[in-house]
Protein backbone atom coordinates (compact mmCIF):
# COMPACT_ATOMS: atom_id res chain seq x y z
CA MET A 1 -82.35 -99.58 29.80
CA ASN A 2 -82.74 -99.13 33.54
CA ARG A 3 -85.31 -97.05 35.30
CA LYS A 4 -82.83 -94.26 36.01
CA THR A 5 -81.92 -93.93 32.34
CA TRP A 6 -85.61 -93.78 31.33
CA LEU A 7 -86.28 -91.09 33.84
CA SER A 8 -83.32 -89.09 32.55
CA MET A 9 -84.51 -89.36 28.89
CA ILE A 10 -88.09 -88.35 29.85
CA LEU A 11 -86.73 -85.40 31.68
CA ILE A 12 -84.64 -84.31 28.72
CA ILE A 13 -87.60 -84.69 26.30
CA MET A 14 -89.76 -82.64 28.62
CA LEU A 15 -87.11 -79.94 28.79
CA ILE A 16 -86.87 -79.85 24.99
CA LEU A 17 -90.67 -79.69 24.55
CA THR A 18 -90.85 -76.94 27.15
CA ALA A 19 -88.12 -75.01 25.34
CA VAL A 20 -89.81 -75.38 21.92
CA THR A 21 -93.18 -74.40 23.36
CA ALA A 22 -91.66 -71.38 25.08
CA ALA A 23 -89.90 -70.41 21.90
CA GLY A 24 -93.13 -70.67 19.98
CA CYS A 25 -94.94 -68.54 22.50
CA ASN A 26 -92.18 -65.99 22.55
CA SER A 27 -92.27 -65.86 18.79
CA ALA A 28 -96.01 -65.27 18.82
CA ASP A 29 -95.62 -62.66 21.52
CA SER A 30 -92.91 -61.04 19.48
CA ARG A 31 -95.18 -60.96 16.45
CA GLU A 32 -97.97 -59.45 18.49
CA GLU A 33 -95.76 -56.79 20.07
CA THR A 34 -94.04 -55.84 16.86
CA PRO A 35 -95.96 -52.75 15.68
CA ALA A 36 -97.39 -53.03 12.25
CA PRO A 37 -95.70 -50.87 9.65
CA ALA A 38 -97.14 -47.40 9.74
CA SER A 39 -99.79 -46.96 7.09
CA SER A 40 -98.92 -44.51 4.49
CA THR A 41 -100.41 -41.06 5.31
CA PRO A 42 -103.02 -40.08 2.76
CA ALA A 43 -101.76 -37.39 0.52
CA THR A 44 -103.15 -34.02 1.52
CA ALA A 45 -104.06 -31.37 -1.01
CA GLU A 46 -101.36 -28.87 -1.57
CA PRO A 47 -102.30 -25.50 -0.12
CA SER A 48 -103.23 -22.95 -2.72
CA PRO A 49 -100.29 -20.70 -3.62
CA SER A 50 -100.52 -17.14 -2.29
CA PRO A 51 -101.44 -14.64 -5.00
CA THR A 52 -98.34 -12.67 -4.07
CA GLU A 53 -95.95 -15.58 -4.60
CA SER A 54 -93.76 -15.96 -7.70
CA PRO A 55 -94.04 -17.31 -10.26
CA PHE A 56 -97.58 -16.02 -10.72
CA VAL A 57 -99.86 -17.98 -13.09
CA MET A 58 -103.06 -16.13 -13.95
CA ALA A 59 -105.08 -19.22 -14.85
CA THR A 60 -104.20 -20.96 -11.58
CA PHE A 61 -104.95 -17.81 -9.61
CA LEU A 62 -108.35 -17.33 -11.16
CA SER A 63 -109.28 -20.97 -10.72
CA THR A 64 -108.42 -20.83 -7.02
CA LEU A 65 -110.26 -17.57 -6.57
CA LYS A 66 -113.42 -18.91 -8.13
CA GLU A 67 -113.22 -22.10 -6.06
CA ASP A 68 -113.24 -19.89 -2.92
CA ALA A 69 -116.40 -18.10 -4.02
CA GLY A 70 -118.34 -19.70 -1.16
CA LYS A 71 -116.44 -17.42 1.24
CA PHE A 72 -118.42 -14.51 -0.24
CA ASP A 73 -121.73 -15.80 1.18
CA SER A 74 -121.51 -13.55 4.25
CA MET A 75 -119.68 -10.27 3.98
CA SER A 76 -119.82 -6.48 4.08
CA PHE A 77 -118.22 -3.64 2.19
CA ASP A 78 -118.33 0.12 1.60
CA TYR A 79 -118.43 1.86 -1.76
CA THR A 80 -118.07 5.29 -3.30
CA ILE A 81 -119.11 6.51 -6.75
CA THR A 82 -117.54 9.58 -8.31
CA ASP A 83 -118.00 11.02 -11.77
CA GLU A 84 -115.92 13.60 -13.67
CA THR A 85 -118.07 16.44 -12.37
CA ASN A 86 -117.27 15.31 -8.81
CA ASN A 87 -120.75 14.17 -8.09
CA PHE A 88 -120.28 11.87 -5.13
CA SER A 89 -122.33 9.08 -3.57
CA GLN A 90 -121.45 6.46 -1.03
CA GLY A 91 -122.88 3.58 0.91
CA SER A 92 -122.39 0.22 2.52
CA VAL A 93 -123.72 -3.28 1.82
CA TRP A 94 -124.08 -6.24 4.17
CA ARG A 95 -124.99 -9.76 3.10
CA GLN A 96 -125.64 -12.68 5.42
CA SER A 97 -126.14 -16.10 3.81
CA GLY A 98 -129.61 -17.42 4.60
CA LYS A 99 -130.72 -14.11 6.12
CA GLY A 100 -130.60 -11.28 3.59
CA TYR A 101 -129.13 -7.90 2.73
CA LYS A 102 -128.79 -4.43 4.18
CA ILE A 103 -127.96 -1.51 1.94
CA GLU A 104 -127.14 2.02 3.04
CA LEU A 105 -127.21 4.73 0.38
CA GLY A 106 -125.94 8.23 0.85
CA ASN A 107 -123.92 11.16 -0.39
CA ALA A 108 -121.20 13.47 0.88
CA ASP A 109 -123.60 14.70 3.61
CA GLY A 110 -124.31 11.24 5.05
CA ILE A 111 -126.67 8.31 4.74
CA THR A 112 -130.09 9.18 3.30
CA GLN A 113 -131.72 5.80 2.76
CA VAL A 114 -131.49 2.29 4.27
CA SER A 115 -133.00 -0.88 2.83
CA ILE A 116 -133.19 -4.19 4.66
CA ILE A 117 -134.21 -7.28 2.71
CA ASP A 118 -135.02 -10.05 5.19
CA LEU A 119 -135.37 -13.38 3.40
CA THR A 120 -136.46 -15.22 6.52
CA GLU A 121 -139.29 -12.79 7.18
CA LYS A 122 -140.00 -12.28 3.42
CA THR A 123 -139.93 -8.53 3.81
CA SER A 124 -138.24 -5.54 2.23
CA VAL A 125 -138.05 -2.40 4.41
CA THR A 126 -136.83 0.99 3.14
CA TYR A 127 -136.55 3.95 5.49
CA SER A 128 -134.98 7.35 5.98
CA PRO A 129 -132.77 7.67 9.08
CA ASP A 130 -133.44 11.39 9.17
CA ALA A 131 -137.19 11.30 8.74
CA LYS A 132 -137.41 8.15 10.86
CA THR A 133 -140.12 6.81 8.63
CA GLY A 134 -140.24 4.02 6.12
CA ILE A 135 -142.33 1.48 4.26
CA MET A 136 -142.36 -2.34 4.22
CA PHE A 137 -143.16 -4.63 1.28
CA THR A 138 -143.86 -8.37 1.39
CA LEU A 139 -141.64 -10.42 -0.91
CA THR A 140 -143.06 -13.13 -3.09
CA ASP A 141 -141.65 -16.68 -2.80
CA GLU A 142 -140.04 -16.23 -6.19
CA ALA A 143 -138.24 -13.09 -5.07
CA VAL A 144 -137.01 -14.82 -1.92
CA GLU A 145 -135.66 -17.70 -3.93
CA SER A 146 -133.97 -15.39 -6.42
CA LEU A 147 -132.40 -13.14 -3.78
CA SER A 148 -131.10 -16.15 -1.92
CA THR A 149 -128.71 -16.88 -4.75
CA SER A 150 -128.16 -13.58 -6.54
CA SER A 151 -128.12 -9.81 -5.86
CA SER A 152 -128.90 -8.84 -9.46
CA ASP A 153 -132.55 -8.10 -8.64
CA MET A 154 -131.35 -5.26 -6.41
CA ASN A 155 -129.19 -3.60 -9.07
CA ILE A 156 -126.00 -4.19 -7.04
CA LEU A 157 -122.99 -6.31 -7.62
CA LEU A 158 -121.16 -8.21 -4.91
CA PRO A 159 -117.47 -8.91 -5.15
CA ALA A 160 -118.25 -12.53 -6.13
CA ASP A 161 -120.15 -11.26 -9.18
CA TYR A 162 -116.97 -9.78 -10.60
CA LEU A 163 -115.31 -13.21 -10.65
CA GLU A 164 -117.69 -14.27 -13.37
CA MET A 165 -116.35 -11.53 -15.65
CA ILE A 166 -112.66 -12.43 -15.42
CA SER A 167 -110.93 -14.36 -18.13
CA ALA A 168 -107.34 -15.52 -18.01
CA ASP A 169 -107.05 -14.48 -21.66
CA THR A 170 -107.85 -10.86 -20.99
CA ALA A 171 -106.82 -10.29 -17.34
CA GLU A 172 -103.58 -8.43 -16.80
CA ASP A 173 -101.17 -8.89 -13.92
CA LEU A 174 -100.13 -5.47 -12.49
CA GLY A 175 -97.81 -6.94 -9.89
CA VAL A 176 -97.79 -6.76 -6.11
CA GLU A 177 -98.79 -3.71 -4.08
CA THR A 178 -99.09 -3.04 -0.34
CA LEU A 179 -102.58 -1.97 0.68
CA ASP A 180 -103.16 -0.95 4.28
CA GLY A 181 -100.02 -2.89 5.27
CA GLU A 182 -101.06 -6.05 3.43
CA GLU A 183 -99.42 -7.39 0.29
CA CYS A 184 -101.91 -7.76 -2.54
CA ARG A 185 -101.78 -9.06 -6.11
CA VAL A 186 -103.30 -6.49 -8.42
CA ILE A 187 -105.08 -7.62 -11.59
CA GLN A 188 -106.99 -5.66 -14.22
CA TYR A 189 -109.45 -6.82 -16.81
CA PRO A 190 -112.02 -5.41 -19.21
CA ASP A 191 -115.74 -5.75 -18.59
CA GLU A 192 -116.81 -5.45 -22.18
CA ILE A 193 -120.52 -5.94 -21.47
CA ASN A 194 -120.68 -2.84 -19.29
CA GLU A 195 -117.87 -0.98 -21.12
CA ARG A 196 -115.60 -0.49 -18.16
CA THR A 197 -112.28 -1.55 -16.72
CA VAL A 198 -112.13 -3.43 -13.39
CA LYS A 199 -109.08 -3.36 -11.15
CA MET A 200 -108.94 -5.78 -8.26
CA TRP A 201 -106.59 -6.06 -5.25
CA VAL A 202 -106.41 -9.65 -3.90
CA SER A 203 -104.97 -10.33 -0.44
CA GLY A 204 -101.87 -12.49 -0.34
CA ALA A 205 -102.92 -13.74 3.10
CA SER A 206 -106.59 -14.68 2.48
CA GLY A 207 -106.55 -14.97 -1.30
CA LEU A 208 -109.72 -12.90 -1.45
CA PRO A 209 -110.43 -9.46 -2.98
CA VAL A 210 -110.02 -6.56 -0.56
CA LYS A 211 -110.54 -3.70 -2.96
CA ILE A 212 -112.19 -3.26 -6.39
CA VAL A 213 -112.20 -0.17 -8.61
CA MET A 214 -114.34 0.08 -11.70
CA THR A 215 -113.89 2.83 -14.30
CA SER A 216 -116.69 3.37 -16.79
CA THR A 217 -116.16 5.68 -19.75
CA ASN A 218 -118.79 6.69 -22.29
CA GLU A 219 -119.30 9.63 -24.57
CA ASP A 220 -120.43 11.91 -21.76
CA ASP A 221 -118.31 11.20 -18.70
CA THR A 222 -116.14 8.87 -16.66
CA THR A 223 -117.48 7.23 -13.52
CA GLU A 224 -115.34 5.51 -10.93
CA THR A 225 -116.83 3.07 -8.43
CA GLU A 226 -114.57 1.96 -5.54
CA ILE A 227 -115.42 -0.99 -3.29
CA ILE A 228 -113.38 -1.00 -0.10
CA ASN A 229 -113.27 -2.32 3.44
CA ILE A 230 -114.36 -5.74 2.22
CA LYS A 231 -114.81 -8.08 5.17
CA TYR A 232 -115.82 -11.74 5.15
CA GLY A 233 -117.67 -13.81 7.74
CA ASP A 234 -120.96 -13.92 9.61
CA LEU A 235 -122.58 -10.65 10.62
CA PRO A 236 -124.13 -9.60 13.94
CA ALA A 237 -127.89 -10.24 14.04
CA ASP A 238 -128.70 -6.62 14.86
CA VAL A 239 -127.38 -5.53 11.42
CA PHE A 240 -130.80 -6.46 10.04
CA THR A 241 -132.83 -4.81 12.77
CA VAL A 242 -134.80 -1.62 12.04
CA PRO A 243 -134.16 0.99 14.76
CA ALA A 244 -136.96 1.15 17.32
CA ASP A 245 -137.55 4.88 16.73
CA VAL A 246 -138.28 4.45 12.97
CA LEU A 247 -141.95 4.30 12.05
CA ILE A 248 -142.55 1.61 9.41
CA THR A 249 -145.83 1.42 7.44
CA ASP A 250 -146.91 -1.76 5.74
CA ALA A 251 -147.29 -1.07 2.03
CA ALA A 252 -150.47 -3.17 1.94
CA LEU A 253 -152.05 -0.83 4.50
CA ALA A 254 -150.66 2.23 2.71
CA SER A 255 -152.25 1.21 -0.58
CA ALA A 256 -155.59 0.61 1.14
CA SER A 257 -155.38 4.00 2.89
CA PRO A 258 -153.13 6.49 1.00
CA SER A 259 -153.17 8.88 3.93
CA ALA A 260 -151.37 6.30 6.02
CA SER A 261 -148.33 6.27 3.79
CA PRO A 262 -145.34 8.05 5.34
CA THR A 263 -143.26 10.62 3.53
CA VAL A 264 -139.76 9.15 3.08
CA SER A 265 -137.13 11.80 2.38
CA GLY A 266 -133.78 11.38 0.71
CA LEU A 267 -134.67 8.67 -1.79
CA GLU A 268 -132.57 10.29 -4.60
CA SER A 269 -129.23 8.94 -3.41
CA ALA A 270 -127.30 6.48 -5.52
CA GLU A 271 -125.90 2.97 -5.38
CA PRO A 272 -123.71 0.95 -7.76
CA THR A 273 -125.62 -0.84 -10.47
CA ALA A 274 -124.58 -3.53 -12.93
CA SER A 275 -123.23 -0.83 -15.19
CA GLY A 276 -121.41 1.01 -12.38
CA GLU A 277 -123.67 4.03 -12.71
CA ALA A 278 -125.82 5.68 -10.11
CA SER A 279 -129.42 4.71 -9.60
CA GLY A 280 -132.19 5.49 -7.17
CA GLU A 281 -133.70 3.28 -4.51
CA PRO A 282 -132.96 -0.50 -4.80
CA ALA A 283 -135.20 -2.09 -7.40
CA VAL A 284 -136.23 -5.33 -5.75
CA SER A 285 -138.50 -7.28 -8.03
CA GLY A 286 -141.22 -9.44 -6.53
CA GLN A 287 -142.51 -6.96 -3.97
CA GLU A 288 -146.16 -7.25 -3.08
CA GLU A 289 -148.16 -4.26 -2.07
């Protein structure tokens, strides 16, 4: 085989090797450039059905409502109490998670008493807006801990408390109603412990109660408590600020010197209690004088 033939064969072999190498590189490049199959998207939880949707399942509705109970941590609402003799009382309640409560008590003539329970300052202040005087108690650590998780020590019930009373076995679906332009699911259930009937309007948009009416009937009379204007979310800090023109006396000083104790007027107004009846000033246990 002459030199020319050898050179030709070497050239052909080199061309073949070059082609194979290039093919291998292209194949690798192709593998690198080919996007990996898209990973399967994790299944997301199905959104909770709106209370106003059909079909309506009471057990599912109540389960979802109780799961959302954390949304009740910070909120405000107004209330009215009326009995069959048309005795009327009204008020408002604010609750801020980690901060405390503010309770306004009044009657048809206006607000007569305000109580501010500040869990961060460990104080309970009650004053009369008209008299512009009030008194402050120091809360024990036990009271602060208790009030941080429950309002029962103040003889009031928050909307979340009513959820504990509902049973799918006894709750009745009254259908869908429009309340202030918003579609709501209306349910009714018996509160056998306090001998009353509770009717609740639950927003189709938020899935949270926006109105609650309790009717208590005993041998003497019928009392209706209405909780309205329920709003959820953090509250302005000044909600828990005592007005600068109100004179507050420390109860510890008042007990040491009775003459220093202010006269607080209008303490006979009412607020809703666990039984839905009227009571006097908030009974906060764990106050130190």
